[in-house]
């Protein structure tokens, strides 16, 4: 039995809001924020997975080793402060410069005599001993 009444006849029509979006040309542009949200969430999960993974290193780092650094630069030395630690048998030296990038340098020498400190510092900085003697100020701690 087929009823052909106009009230029962269903015509496949699109909803009004979809027709309005089609008129505006937005049916293509509307899914783009959803696609962006999907990529944002998926890359966030992927980043979390990668960063939380622990990696085994094959070689060990040695942070306690001291390396000698050789540099040559022309510095305007303003003053030198030397703290001689007689009990520990070393001298801590601070060199203050007029350079805008390198304001202060610190050195430790395993000597406690004035002449030895002067010689070691002159050799390290590449300055004559007479210039070192004019700029240095000693402080002795027993």
Foldseek 3Di string as FASTA:
>chain_A
DDDDDPVPDDDDDDDPVVVVCVVVVCPVVVCVVVVVVVVVVVVVVVVVVVVVDDDDDPDDDDPPDDDDDADADDWAWQAKEWEAEVVVQKIKMKTATPDPVDGIDIDIGNHRDPVVVLVVVCVRHVHDSVVNVVHYDYDYDD
